[in-house]
């Protein structure tokens, strides 16, 4: 294969794997490659087009692969492999007709559409592998250990979602050729050396104690063990190794005293997750201690993520930095590289947290539909789908908000499958749902219409009703106050009538009253009546009937009083009278003593 066509001392182009033609080379106005640690890499190729040839040339169709490289000494260094995503014709009186070709590396494919889906029992590195596979990309990933029970990609692009997952654990996401990288940046390796007034043309730096804290603390709650989770980090990683012999937190503490950044609105579920998040935030803050915008002679080795050693800047600022962003530009003035050192220009903790979590404000309340209430841990939890996101996405197990809930107490009203519920999210995190309560609608009607429960603005009935129809009614209508407990048949009920001060128990069949101790039936000032087809009173030991007034036993038919060991009729103050057409005592044998 012939060597690439040289466009400038060290810049080369290929389209769809073929070297750029001499005509394309001659038409170049400028070439730019924008390389970032936080965004897909971008390129722009600006061509003269006086005859409008390139505007309609299929060589530059959307989707055409582009490779931009340069020579670093005797070796060729690839700056970017991407594909054209935009064609911009430009007409002006100074340059005449031109065409600008824009594009990105293949990371842009991860940023094309928003998705809502669940990842179950996966680590972050597993999630990255799954996304790479779906995008037909190879994967290079450092392993992560934390297995997440349930993670939702909540209406995010794959890129946004991966970046948010990566930054929680101090990883970076980038694409090289057809490979997605999900890993920590190497702390050592080959370095580029630049010297002020030799090949380093500009160095505009800032050393600042803004956002430099002695400790980052992430506080969360472990509901399983009912204890607080606290993650801590004090030493930022991947900070510049320069003559300034103290890191930002130490300098700020020495000058102004100790300060802490306490994070309370990012839910964490394990100690390891809290520690990783604290360290990630500490790193991002610490990298802002020294920032610099630089310009050098064109150098393809200065790329985002690379280490660069700067010399000739005095003791304090000379040393090794991490490149966060690089812009390679070739035009008529030559080839220069602009690059940024230090933090990725995030100035507040809120901005850092929003990029780590992937959503600035979090989710507010949502309508959900219960899909599963068979909690494997028997904690009264349910799973829901969130139709406003995607109808086939199921949440993780959501805890219920229940009145009086506590240790083996509270109102246990678990929603039914297909019930509509209102779902909240702890600190707006869609992976931490809470079910506040159920909702009625046209197809999910309340137990009674409002018209039957409300009169004149007063709620006269408050109702608790089960799926099968068991009901408790608290009646508050003036003059008719009562409590009704009724089963689904409507034939068995207990009514406490507060207006009449009465209580009625109705039952279609049998009523059983059973106690291991005494059963007392007492009326303070009224009568007690038993009525039925047959009345049987049976005592295992003694049976006693006592009245302070008269005592009457009466039957419209026969009446038998029998004792197996004796029968005594006794009156201490008056006679005993037996009357009837015939009185037979002991079969006619009467003995009086």
Protein backbone atom coordinates (compact mmCIF):
# COMPACT_ATOMS: atom_id res chain seq x y z
CA UNK A 1 0.00 0.00 0.00
CA UNK A 2 1.44 3.42 -0.84
CA UNK A 3 2.23 5.73 2.05
CA UNK A 4 -0.41 8.31 2.99
CA UNK A 5 -0.43 11.55 1.06
CA UNK A 6 1.35 14.28 3.02
CA UNK A 7 -0.71 17.46 3.33
CA UNK A 8 1.69 19.34 5.53
CA UNK A 9 4.95 18.41 7.21
CA UNK A 10 3.06 16.11 9.61
CA UNK A 11 -0.68 15.85 8.70
CA UNK A 12 -2.35 13.02 6.71
CA UNK A 13 -5.93 12.18 5.66
CA UNK A 14 -7.74 9.04 4.55
CA UNK A 15 -11.36 8.66 3.41
CA UNK A 16 -12.98 5.21 3.52
CA UNK A 17 -9.50 3.77 3.98
CA UNK A 18 -8.04 5.48 0.90
CA UNK A 19 -5.42 8.21 0.94
CA UNK A 20 -6.74 11.67 0.19
CA UNK A 21 -6.25 12.60 -3.45
CA UNK A 22 -3.89 15.37 -4.50
CA UNK A 23 -6.91 17.49 -5.48
CA UNK A 24 -8.32 17.18 -1.95
CA UNK A 25 -4.92 17.95 -0.45
CA UNK A 26 -4.61 21.10 -2.52
CA UNK A 27 -8.12 22.23 -1.52
CA UNK A 28 -7.57 22.06 2.23
CA UNK A 29 -8.06 25.30 4.13
CA UNK A 30 -7.83 23.78 7.62
CA UNK A 31 -8.04 20.52 9.55
CA UNK A 32 -9.08 20.35 13.21
CA UNK A 33 -9.24 17.44 15.63
CA UNK A 34 -10.95 18.14 18.96
CA UNK A 35 -10.00 15.49 21.53
CA UNK A 36 -11.75 15.35 24.93
CA UNK A 37 -11.90 13.15 28.02
CA UNK A 38 -15.58 13.91 28.55
CA UNK A 39 -17.09 14.15 25.04
CA UNK A 40 -16.87 12.23 21.75
CA UNK A 41 -13.86 13.35 19.74
CA UNK A 42 -14.68 15.67 16.83
CA UNK A 43 -13.03 16.68 13.57
CA UNK A 44 -13.56 19.39 10.96
CA UNK A 45 -12.03 19.46 7.47
CA UNK A 46 -12.50 22.72 5.58
CA UNK A 47 -12.05 22.56 1.75
CA UNK A 48 -12.05 25.15 -1.01
CA UNK A 49 -14.70 24.29 -3.57
CA UNK A 50 -14.69 26.95 -6.33
CA UNK A 51 -16.33 24.61 -8.86
CA UNK A 52 -18.76 23.09 -6.31
CA UNK A 53 -17.12 19.74 -6.91
CA UNK A 54 -16.79 18.53 -3.30
CA UNK A 55 -20.31 19.51 -2.28
CA UNK A 56 -21.72 16.76 -4.49
CA UNK A 57 -18.82 14.29 -4.36
CA UNK A 58 -19.81 10.89 -2.92
CA UNK A 59 -16.37 10.69 -1.32
CA UNK A 60 -17.68 13.03 1.35
CA UNK A 61 -21.08 11.50 1.96
CA UNK A 62 -22.46 11.28 5.50
CA UNK A 63 -21.09 8.11 7.07
CA UNK A 64 -17.79 8.18 5.18
CA UNK A 65 -14.97 7.03 7.47
CA UNK A 66 -12.17 9.53 8.04
CA UNK A 67 -8.72 8.92 9.48
CA UNK A 68 -6.53 11.86 10.46
CA UNK A 69 -2.94 11.20 11.46
CA UNK A 70 0.37 12.93 11.85
CA UNK A 71 4.03 12.08 12.03
CA UNK A 72 5.86 12.26 15.34
CA UNK A 73 9.47 11.87 14.26
CA UNK A 74 9.66 8.71 12.21
CA UNK A 75 6.41 7.17 13.53
CA UNK A 76 2.87 7.90 12.43
CA UNK A 77 0.37 8.81 15.16
CA UNK A 78 -3.37 8.57 14.58
CA UNK A 79 -5.20 11.60 15.88
CA UNK A 80 -8.71 10.33 15.16
CA UNK A 81 -10.69 7.70 13.31
CA UNK A 82 -14.24 8.85 12.79
CA UNK A 83 -17.04 9.31 10.32
CA UNK A 84 -18.66 12.27 8.61
CA UNK A 85 -21.88 13.40 10.26
CA UNK A 86 -22.39 16.85 8.68
CA UNK A 87 -21.66 18.60 5.36
CA UNK A 88 -21.74 22.39 5.47
CA UNK A 89 -21.42 24.40 2.21
CA UNK A 90 -20.28 27.98 2.82
CA UNK A 91 -20.37 30.80 0.31
CA UNK A 92 -18.69 34.16 0.98
CA UNK A 93 -16.95 36.82 -1.01
CA UNK A 94 -13.59 36.36 0.68
CA UNK A 95 -12.94 32.63 0.23
CA UNK A 96 -15.56 31.90 -2.39
CA UNK A 97 -17.43 28.58 -2.18
CA UNK A 98 -16.12 26.20 0.48
CA UNK A 99 -17.37 23.05 2.15
CA UNK A 100 -16.85 22.08 5.78
CA UNK A 101 -16.91 18.37 6.69
CA UNK A 102 -17.68 17.64 10.32
CA UNK A 103 -17.74 14.35 12.15
CA UNK A 104 -16.98 12.40 15.30
CA UNK A 105 -15.30 9.22 16.37
CA UNK A 106 -17.69 6.29 16.83
CA UNK A 107 -18.54 7.45 20.32
CA UNK A 108 -21.16 9.66 18.66
CA UNK A 109 -23.19 6.54 17.91
CA UNK A 110 -23.66 6.14 21.65
CA UNK A 111 -25.15 9.63 21.76
CA UNK A 112 -27.79 9.31 19.04
CA UNK A 113 -30.89 8.14 20.90
CA UNK A 114 -32.21 8.11 24.44
CA UNK A 115 -33.02 4.80 26.03
CA UNK A 116 -34.83 3.55 29.08
CA UNK A 117 -33.91 0.04 30.18
CA UNK A 118 -32.88 -2.00 33.21
CA UNK A 119 -29.66 -3.76 34.06
CA UNK A 120 -30.08 -6.50 36.69
CA UNK A 121 -27.40 -8.01 38.92
CA UNK A 122 -24.56 -6.42 36.95
CA UNK A 123 -21.38 -4.52 37.75
CA UNK A 124 -20.60 -1.24 36.01
CA UNK A 125 -18.02 -3.01 33.84
CA UNK A 126 -20.68 -5.59 32.90
CA UNK A 127 -23.00 -2.75 31.91
CA UNK A 128 -20.29 -1.18 29.76
CA UNK A 129 -19.70 -4.51 28.00
CA UNK A 130 -23.40 -4.89 27.31
CA UNK A 131 -23.66 -1.39 25.82
CA UNK A 132 -20.54 -1.93 23.69
CA UNK A 133 -22.00 -5.18 22.35
CA UNK A 134 -25.28 -3.48 21.49
CA UNK A 135 -23.34 -0.78 19.60
CA UNK A 136 -21.19 -3.37 17.74
CA UNK A 137 -18.07 -2.09 19.47
CA UNK A 138 -15.28 -4.06 21.09
CA UNK A 139 -14.70 -3.40 24.79
CA UNK A 140 -11.64 -2.77 26.90
CA UNK A 141 -12.62 -2.37 30.52
CA UNK A 142 -11.15 -2.47 33.98
CA UNK A 143 -13.22 -4.68 36.26
CA UNK A 144 -15.49 -3.20 38.90
CA UNK A 145 -16.57 -5.29 41.89
CA UNK A 146 -19.85 -3.79 43.10
CA UNK A 147 -22.81 -5.84 41.82
CA UNK A 148 -25.87 -3.62 41.42
CA UNK A 149 -29.19 -5.35 41.99
CA UNK A 150 -31.00 -3.03 39.63
CA UNK A 151 -29.84 -0.02 37.58
CA UNK A 152 -32.09 1.95 35.22
CA UNK A 153 -30.83 3.88 32.24
CA UNK A 154 -33.47 6.55 32.56
CA UNK A 155 -34.11 8.24 29.23
CA UNK A 156 -30.40 8.81 28.68
CA UNK A 157 -28.16 8.24 25.71
CA UNK A 158 -25.70 5.38 26.11
CA UNK A 159 -22.91 7.94 26.29
CA UNK A 160 -24.53 10.00 29.04
CA UNK A 161 -25.37 6.87 30.99
CA UNK A 162 -21.88 5.36 30.67
CA UNK A 163 -20.15 8.62 31.61
CA UNK A 164 -22.33 8.94 34.73
CA UNK A 165 -21.58 5.33 35.75
CA UNK A 166 -17.87 5.77 35.02
CA UNK A 167 -17.46 8.94 37.03
CA UNK A 168 -19.05 7.39 40.11
CA UNK A 169 -16.06 5.02 40.27
CA UNK A 170 -13.35 7.31 38.91
CA UNK A 171 -13.33 5.79 35.40
CA UNK A 172 -13.26 7.44 31.98
CA UNK A 173 -15.15 6.56 28.82
CA UNK A 174 -13.71 6.99 25.33
CA UNK A 175 -13.68 5.28 21.95
CA UNK A 176 -10.63 4.47 19.86
CA UNK A 177 -11.40 3.14 16.40
CA UNK A 178 -13.94 0.34 17.05
CA UNK A 179 -13.15 -0.12 20.74
CA UNK A 180 -15.01 1.32 23.70
CA UNK A 181 -12.79 1.96 26.72
CA UNK A 182 -14.25 1.96 30.23
CA UNK A 183 -11.36 2.22 32.62
CA UNK A 184 -9.16 4.23 34.90
CA UNK A 185 -6.57 6.37 33.19
CA UNK A 186 -3.03 5.02 33.70
CA UNK A 187 -1.11 6.84 36.42
CA UNK A 188 2.15 6.36 34.56
CA UNK A 189 3.38 5.69 31.05
CA UNK A 190 5.00 7.50 28.16
CA UNK A 191 5.08 11.26 28.52
CA UNK A 192 5.40 14.20 26.18
CA UNK A 193 7.97 16.84 27.15
CA UNK A 194 7.45 20.45 26.15
CA UNK A 195 9.62 23.43 27.05
CA UNK A 196 8.58 27.04 27.31
CA UNK A 197 9.90 29.20 24.46
CA UNK A 198 10.98 26.07 22.55
CA UNK A 199 7.88 24.10 21.59
CA UNK A 200 5.53 25.38 24.31
CA UNK A 201 4.17 28.66 22.93
CA UNK A 202 1.61 29.66 25.56
CA UNK A 203 0.97 28.72 29.18
CA UNK A 204 -1.91 30.43 30.99
CA UNK A 205 -2.41 28.83 34.39
CA UNK A 206 -4.34 29.29 37.59
CA UNK A 207 -3.57 27.85 41.02
CA UNK A 208 -6.67 28.24 43.17
CA UNK A 209 -7.97 26.98 46.51
CA UNK A 210 -11.59 27.27 45.32
CA UNK A 211 -13.42 23.98 45.97
CA UNK A 212 -10.33 22.55 47.71
CA UNK A 213 -11.55 20.75 50.83
CA UNK A 214 -9.83 18.68 53.49
CA UNK A 215 -12.34 15.85 53.23
CA UNK A 216 -15.21 14.69 51.06
CA UNK A 217 -17.92 12.83 52.98
CA UNK A 218 -20.73 10.89 51.32
CA UNK A 219 -23.56 10.00 53.71
CA UNK A 220 -26.24 7.44 52.96
CA UNK A 221 -28.57 4.98 54.67
CA UNK A 222 -28.60 1.18 54.72
CA UNK A 223 -32.27 0.18 55.19
CA UNK A 224 -31.42 -3.51 55.56
CA UNK A 225 -29.18 -2.95 58.59
CA UNK A 226 -30.84 0.29 59.68
CA UNK A 227 -27.56 2.17 59.93
CA UNK A 228 -25.82 5.13 58.33
CA UNK A 229 -23.28 4.65 55.55
CA UNK A 230 -20.38 7.12 55.49
CA UNK A 231 -17.79 7.22 52.72
CA UNK A 232 -14.72 9.42 53.10
CA UNK A 233 -11.87 10.64 50.92
CA UNK A 234 -9.09 13.08 51.80
CA UNK A 235 -6.39 12.66 49.14
CA UNK A 236 -7.24 13.35 45.48
CA UNK A 237 -5.71 11.07 42.87
CA UNK A 238 -4.30 11.96 39.45
CA UNK A 239 -3.25 15.48 40.40
CA UNK A 240 -0.32 17.31 38.76
CA UNK A 241 3.14 16.23 39.91
CA UNK A 242 4.79 19.63 39.94
CA UNK A 243 7.10 21.77 42.03
CA UNK A 244 4.17 22.91 44.15
CA UNK A 245 4.86 20.32 46.85
CA UNK A 246 1.40 20.27 48.44
CA UNK A 247 -1.93 19.30 46.94
CA UNK A 248 -4.88 21.67 46.91
CA UNK A 249 -6.60 20.41 50.08
CA UNK A 250 -3.42 20.78 52.15
CA UNK A 251 -2.69 24.26 50.77
CA UNK A 252 -6.25 25.44 51.45
CA UNK A 253 -6.26 23.97 54.97
CA UNK A 254 -2.92 25.54 55.84
CA UNK A 255 -4.04 28.94 54.59
CA UNK A 256 -7.68 29.06 55.65
CA UNK A 257 -8.37 26.12 57.96
CA UNK A 258 -10.14 22.82 57.54
CA UNK A 259 -13.25 22.45 55.35
CA UNK A 260 -15.39 19.50 54.35
CA UNK A 261 -17.73 18.78 51.45
CA UNK A 262 -20.61 16.66 52.72
CA UNK A 263 -22.78 14.94 50.12
CA UNK A 264 -26.21 13.87 51.38
CA UNK A 265 -28.35 13.81 48.23
CA UNK A 266 -26.74 10.97 46.26
CA UNK A 267 -28.09 7.63 47.54
CA UNK A 268 -25.56 4.85 48.13
CA UNK A 269 -26.37 1.31 49.26
CA UNK A 270 -22.99 -0.12 50.31
CA UNK A 271 -19.87 1.10 52.03
CA UNK A 272 -17.78 0.38 48.92
CA UNK A 273 -20.10 2.49 46.77
CA UNK A 274 -19.95 5.39 49.25
CA UNK A 275 -16.15 5.23 49.37
CA UNK A 276 -15.86 5.13 45.57
CA UNK A 277 -18.20 8.10 45.13
CA UNK A 278 -16.37 10.11 47.78
CA UNK A 279 -13.06 9.43 46.08
CA UNK A 280 -14.42 10.29 42.62
CA UNK A 281 -15.70 13.66 43.87
CA UNK A 282 -12.44 14.29 45.76
CA UNK A 283 -10.49 13.58 42.56
CA UNK A 284 -12.57 15.95 40.47
CA UNK A 285 -12.22 18.73 43.04
CA UNK A 286 -8.53 18.11 43.49
CA UNK A 287 -7.85 18.26 39.76
CA UNK A 288 -9.10 21.86 39.81
CA UNK A 289 -6.27 23.02 42.07
CA UNK A 290 -4.03 23.82 39.10
CA UNK A 291 -5.54 24.48 35.67
CA UNK A 292 -3.86 25.71 32.52
CA UNK A 293 -4.67 26.54 28.91
CA UNK A 294 -1.68 25.91 26.68
CA UNK A 295 -0.56 26.16 23.06
CA UNK A 296 2.35 24.25 21.57
CA UNK A 297 3.78 23.51 18.19
CA UNK A 298 1.75 20.77 16.56
CA UNK A 299 2.36 17.55 18.49
CA UNK A 300 0.16 14.51 17.83
CA UNK A 301 1.26 12.89 21.10
CA UNK A 302 -0.56 15.58 23.07
CA UNK A 303 -3.94 13.88 23.35
CA UNK A 304 -6.68 13.83 25.97
CA UNK A 305 -5.68 11.52 28.79
CA UNK A 306 -1.95 11.73 28.01
CA UNK A 307 0.67 12.88 30.51
CA UNK A 308 2.68 15.93 29.52
CA UNK A 309 5.79 17.26 31.23
CA UNK A 310 6.30 21.01 31.02
CA UNK A 311 9.68 22.58 31.58
CA UNK A 312 11.00 26.12 31.91
CA UNK A 313 8.04 27.41 33.95
CA UNK A 314 9.82 27.96 37.25
CA UNK A 315 9.80 25.51 40.13
CA UNK A 316 6.17 25.81 41.17
CA UNK A 317 4.52 25.10 37.79
CA UNK A 318 7.08 22.90 36.05
CA UNK A 319 6.20 19.20 36.18
CA UNK A 320 3.80 16.58 34.87
CA UNK A 321 0.12 17.19 34.13
CA UNK A 322 -2.82 15.22 32.73
CA UNK A 323 -4.21 16.52 29.42
CA UNK A 324 -7.98 16.91 29.69
CA UNK A 325 -8.66 18.35 26.25
CA UNK A 326 -6.61 18.88 23.09
CA UNK A 327 -7.36 20.72 19.86
CA UNK A 328 -5.06 19.99 16.92
CA UNK A 329 -5.32 22.61 14.20
CA UNK A 330 -3.60 22.73 10.84
CA UNK A 331 -4.07 25.68 8.47
CA UNK A 332 -2.03 28.09 6.38
CA UNK A 333 -0.19 29.31 9.48
CA UNK A 334 1.04 25.82 10.31
CA UNK A 335 0.19 23.09 12.80
CA UNK A 336 -0.48 23.96 16.44
CA UNK A 337 -1.93 22.10 19.39
CA UNK A 338 -4.08 23.80 22.02
CA UNK A 339 -4.62 21.80 25.20
CA UNK A 340 -6.11 22.08 28.67
CA UNK A 341 -4.56 20.77 31.90
CA UNK A 342 -6.16 20.17 35.26
CA UNK A 343 -9.89 19.92 35.80
CA UNK A 344 -12.37 19.50 32.92
CA UNK A 345 -13.66 23.05 33.65
CA UNK A 346 -16.29 22.05 36.19
CA UNK A 347 -16.42 24.80 38.75
CA UNK A 348 -19.03 23.79 41.33
CA UNK A 349 -19.85 20.67 43.31
CA UNK A 350 -23.35 20.74 41.82
CA UNK A 351 -21.93 20.49 38.30
CA UNK A 352 -19.69 17.61 39.34
CA UNK A 353 -22.58 15.73 40.94
CA UNK A 354 -24.86 16.30 37.96
CA UNK A 355 -22.28 14.78 35.61
CA UNK A 356 -21.65 11.89 37.96
CA UNK A 357 -25.34 11.05 38.34
CA UNK A 358 -26.25 11.91 34.76
CA UNK A 359 -29.23 14.06 35.71
CA UNK A 360 -29.09 17.58 37.08
CA UNK A 361 -32.28 17.75 39.11
CA UNK A 362 -33.30 14.10 39.40
CA UNK A 363 -36.76 12.71 38.88
CA UNK A 364 -39.87 14.10 40.50
CA UNK A 365 -42.99 12.07 41.34
CA UNK A 366 -44.23 9.73 38.60
CA UNK A 367 -47.25 7.59 37.89
CA UNK A 368 -46.50 3.88 37.98
CA UNK A 369 -48.31 0.59 37.55
CA UNK A 370 -47.57 -2.32 39.91
CA UNK A 371 -46.08 -5.31 38.09
CA UNK A 372 -44.97 -7.57 40.94
CA UNK A 373 -45.81 -7.77 44.65
CA UNK A 374 -44.13 -11.11 45.48
CA UNK A 375 -41.20 -9.62 47.38
CA UNK A 376 -38.59 -12.38 47.82
CA UNK A 377 -37.46 -10.80 51.11
CA UNK A 378 -41.03 -10.40 52.45
CA UNK A 379 -40.56 -6.71 53.15
CA UNK A 380 -43.84 -5.54 51.63
CA UNK A 381 -42.14 -4.11 48.55
CA UNK A 382 -43.43 -4.00 44.98
CA UNK A 383 -42.05 -3.48 41.50
CA UNK A 384 -43.59 -0.96 39.15
CA UNK A 385 -43.39 0.05 35.53
CA UNK A 386 -43.19 3.74 34.65
CA UNK A 387 -45.25 4.28 31.50
CA UNK A 388 -43.95 7.81 30.93
CA UNK A 389 -40.47 6.32 30.40
CA UNK A 390 -41.08 2.98 28.75
CA UNK A 391 -43.94 0.56 29.28
CA UNK A 392 -41.82 -2.59 29.47
CA UNK A 393 -39.23 -1.32 31.97
CA UNK A 394 -39.69 -2.63 35.50
CA UNK A 395 -38.25 -0.84 38.53
CA UNK A 396 -36.23 -2.38 41.29
CA UNK A 397 -38.11 -3.34 44.48
CA UNK A 398 -39.80 -0.20 45.79
CA UNK A 399 -40.51 0.24 49.47
CA UNK A 400 -44.01 1.29 50.52
CA UNK A 401 -44.77 4.42 52.48
CA UNK A 402 -47.25 3.16 55.08
CA UNK A 403 -48.83 4.87 58.15
CA UNK A 404 -47.24 3.65 61.37
CA UNK A 405 -44.76 1.39 59.60
CA UNK A 406 -42.14 0.06 61.99
CA UNK A 407 -40.93 -3.13 63.60
CA UNK A 408 -43.81 -5.64 63.03
CA UNK A 409 -46.38 -2.84 63.07
CA UNK A 410 -48.14 -0.43 60.77
CA UNK A 411 -50.90 -0.60 58.16
CA UNK A 412 -50.02 -3.36 55.70
CA UNK A 413 -51.90 -2.48 52.53
CA UNK A 414 -49.78 -3.91 49.71
CA UNK A 415 -50.92 -2.77 46.26
CA UNK A 416 -52.32 -5.30 43.82
CA UNK A 417 -50.66 -6.06 40.49
CA UNK A 418 -51.93 -3.56 37.87
CA UNK A 419 -52.81 -0.97 40.53
CA UNK A 420 -51.86 2.57 39.57
CA UNK A 421 -49.59 4.16 42.17
CA UNK A 422 -47.65 7.37 42.78
CA UNK A 423 -43.90 6.75 42.83
CA UNK A 424 -41.30 9.01 44.45
CA UNK A 425 -37.52 8.73 44.13
CA UNK A 426 -35.06 9.18 46.96
CA UNK A 427 -33.07 12.34 46.13
CA UNK A 428 -34.45 12.07 42.60
CA UNK A 429 -32.53 8.81 41.89
CA UNK A 430 -34.65 6.59 39.68
CA UNK A 431 -32.89 3.54 41.11
CA UNK A 432 -34.30 4.32 44.59
CA UNK A 433 -38.12 4.28 44.17
CA UNK A 434 -40.70 4.65 46.94
CA UNK A 435 -44.43 3.98 46.49
CA UNK A 436 -46.45 6.67 48.22
CA UNK A 437 -49.92 5.26 47.57
CA UNK A 438 -52.53 4.10 45.07
CA UNK A 439 -54.60 6.15 42.64
CA UNK A 440 -58.15 5.91 41.30
CA UNK A 441 -59.14 6.51 37.70
CA UNK A 442 -61.96 5.90 35.23
CA UNK A 443 -61.07 2.19 35.08
CA UNK A 444 -59.96 1.86 38.69
CA UNK A 445 -62.97 3.26 40.56
CA UNK A 446 -63.15 4.08 44.29
CA UNK A 447 -65.39 1.88 46.49
CA UNK A 448 -68.23 4.42 46.25
CA UNK A 449 -68.87 7.47 44.06
CA UNK A 450 -68.20 10.82 45.71
CA UNK A 451 -71.89 11.65 45.41
CA UNK A 452 -72.70 8.85 47.87
CA UNK A 453 -70.04 9.85 50.37
CA UNK A 454 -70.17 13.65 50.33
CA UNK A 455 -73.00 16.04 51.08
CA UNK A 456 -72.70 19.80 51.26
CA UNK A 457 -68.90 19.57 51.20
CA UNK A 458 -68.88 17.23 54.20
CA UNK A 459 -67.40 13.76 53.81
CA UNK A 460 -70.02 11.53 55.45
CA UNK A 461 -68.37 8.17 54.79
CA UNK A 462 -64.74 7.08 54.94
CA UNK A 463 -64.21 3.61 53.57
CA UNK A 464 -61.63 0.84 53.71
CA UNK A 465 -62.48 -1.90 51.20
CA UNK A 466 -60.55 -4.99 50.09
CA UNK A 467 -60.38 -6.50 46.61
CA UNK A 468 -63.09 -9.10 47.34
CA UNK A 469 -65.43 -6.55 48.94
CA UNK A 470 -64.81 -6.71 52.70
CA UNK A 471 -65.47 -3.20 53.97
CA UNK A 472 -65.14 -0.93 56.97
CA UNK A 473 -67.26 2.22 56.80
CA UNK A 474 -66.79 5.15 59.16
CA UNK A 475 -70.06 7.08 58.96
CA UNK A 476 -69.93 10.74 59.99
CA UNK A 477 -73.32 11.97 58.76
CA UNK A 478 -74.83 14.13 61.49
CA UNK A 479 -77.39 12.18 63.51
CA UNK A 480 -76.43 8.91 61.78
CA UNK A 481 -72.87 8.43 63.02
CA UNK A 482 -71.90 4.77 62.98
CA UNK A 483 -69.13 2.27 62.25
CA UNK A 484 -69.94 -0.65 59.97
CA UNK A 485 -67.83 -3.76 59.41
CA UNK A 486 -69.29 -5.91 56.62
CA UNK A 487 -67.99 -8.92 54.68
CA UNK A 488 -68.12 -9.34 50.90
CA UNK A 489 -71.50 -11.14 51.00
CA UNK A 490 -73.24 -8.22 52.70
CA UNK A 491 -74.94 -10.76 55.01
CA UNK A 492 -72.48 -10.67 57.90
CA UNK A 493 -71.80 -7.39 59.65
CA UNK A 494 -71.13 -5.52 62.84
CA UNK A 495 -72.76 -2.10 63.26
CA UNK A 496 -71.83 0.31 66.03
CA UNK A 497 -74.52 3.00 65.98
CA UNK A 498 -73.09 6.02 67.78
CA UNK A 499 -76.24 8.08 67.28
CA UNK A 500 -78.46 5.44 69.00
CA UNK A 501 -75.70 4.06 71.22
CA UNK A 502 -76.47 0.53 70.00
CA UNK A 503 -74.40 -2.29 68.57
CA UNK A 504 -75.74 -4.92 66.18
CA UNK A 505 -74.08 -8.14 65.05
CA UNK A 506 -75.63 -9.93 62.07
CA UNK A 507 -74.57 -13.34 60.77
CA UNK A 508 -76.02 -15.51 58.01
CA UNK A 509 -75.15 -18.73 59.86
CA UNK A 510 -73.32 -19.59 63.10
CA UNK A 511 -71.70 -17.30 65.65
CA UNK A 512 -69.12 -18.81 67.99
CA UNK A 513 -67.83 -17.10 71.12
CA UNK A 514 -64.90 -18.95 72.64
CA UNK A 515 -62.57 -18.02 75.48
CA UNK A 516 -60.05 -19.87 77.64
CA UNK A 517 -61.08 -17.68 80.57
CA UNK A 518 -64.46 -16.32 81.63
CA UNK A 519 -67.18 -15.11 79.28
CA UNK A 520 -69.31 -12.42 80.87
CA UNK A 521 -72.53 -11.04 79.37
CA UNK A 522 -73.82 -8.11 81.42
CA UNK A 523 -76.40 -5.37 81.03
CA UNK A 524 -76.13 -2.55 83.53
CA UNK A 525 -79.74 -1.40 83.28
CA UNK A 526 -81.56 -3.34 80.55
CA UNK A 527 -82.75 -6.81 79.72
CA UNK A 528 -80.83 -9.72 78.22
CA UNK A 529 -82.83 -11.85 75.77
CA UNK A 530 -81.86 -15.13 74.08
CA UNK A 531 -84.15 -16.34 71.29
CA UNK A 532 -83.83 -19.29 68.92
CA UNK A 533 -85.38 -22.56 67.83
CA UNK A 534 -83.60 -24.48 70.56
CA UNK A 535 -81.60 -23.20 73.53
CA UNK A 536 -79.02 -25.44 75.14
CA UNK A 537 -76.88 -24.42 78.08
CA UNK A 538 -74.30 -27.00 79.13
CA UNK A 539 -71.90 -26.73 82.09
CA UNK A 540 -68.98 -29.13 82.59
CA UNK A 541 -69.30 -28.59 86.37
CA UNK A 542 -71.95 -26.54 88.21
CA UNK A 543 -74.90 -24.63 86.78
CA UNK A 544 -76.54 -21.84 88.76
CA UNK A 545 -79.50 -19.58 87.97
CA UNK A 546 -80.08 -16.76 90.44
CA UNK A 547 -82.56 -13.88 90.42
CA UNK A 548 -83.12 -11.07 92.93
CA UNK A 549 -86.78 -11.04 91.86
CA UNK A 550 -89.02 -13.89 90.76
CA UNK A 551 -87.67 -16.80 88.73
CA UNK A 552 -89.87 -18.45 86.14
CA UNK A 553 -89.24 -21.48 83.96
CA UNK A 554 -92.09 -21.98 81.51
CA UNK A 555 -92.73 -24.29 78.62
CA UNK A 556 -95.79 -24.58 76.39
CA UNK A 557 -95.12 -28.32 76.28
CA UNK A 558 -93.44 -30.69 78.71
CA UNK A 559 -90.76 -29.53 81.15
CA UNK A 560 -88.33 -31.97 82.71
CA UNK A 561 -86.06 -31.34 85.70
CA UNK A 562 -83.82 -34.31 86.42
CA UNK A 563 -80.88 -34.98 88.70
CA UNK A 564 -78.90 -38.22 88.69
CA UNK A 565 -77.81 -38.04 92.37
CA UNK A 566 -80.57 -35.98 93.90
CA UNK A 567 -83.10 -33.21 93.38
CA UNK A 568 -83.89 -30.60 95.97
CA UNK A 569 -86.73 -28.11 95.93
CA UNK A 570 -86.43 -25.72 98.84
CA UNK A 571 -88.19 -22.59 100.01
CA UNK A 572 -87.01 -21.12 103.29
CA UNK A 573 -89.93 -18.75 103.92
CA UNK A 574 -93.10 -20.02 102.20
CA UNK A 575 -94.84 -23.08 100.91
CA UNK A 576 -93.95 -25.10 97.86
CA UNK A 577 -96.90 -25.55 95.51
CA UNK A 578 -97.20 -28.20 92.82
CA UNK A 579 -100.36 -27.95 90.70
CA UNK A 580 -101.80 -29.73 87.74
CA UNK A 581 -104.70 -32.01 86.71
CA UNK A 582 -102.62 -34.87 88.03
CA UNK A 583 -99.58 -34.67 90.32
CA UNK A 584 -97.49 -37.84 90.33
CA UNK A 585 -94.60 -38.00 92.77
CA UNK A 586 -92.31 -41.03 92.65
CA UNK A 587 -94.86 -43.05 90.63
CA UNK A 588 -97.53 -42.48 93.33
CA UNK A 589 -95.35 -43.40 96.29
CA UNK A 590 -95.05 -40.17 98.32
CA UNK A 591 -93.06 -40.06 101.56
CA UNK A 592 -93.22 -36.96 103.75
CA UNK A 593 -90.95 -36.63 106.85
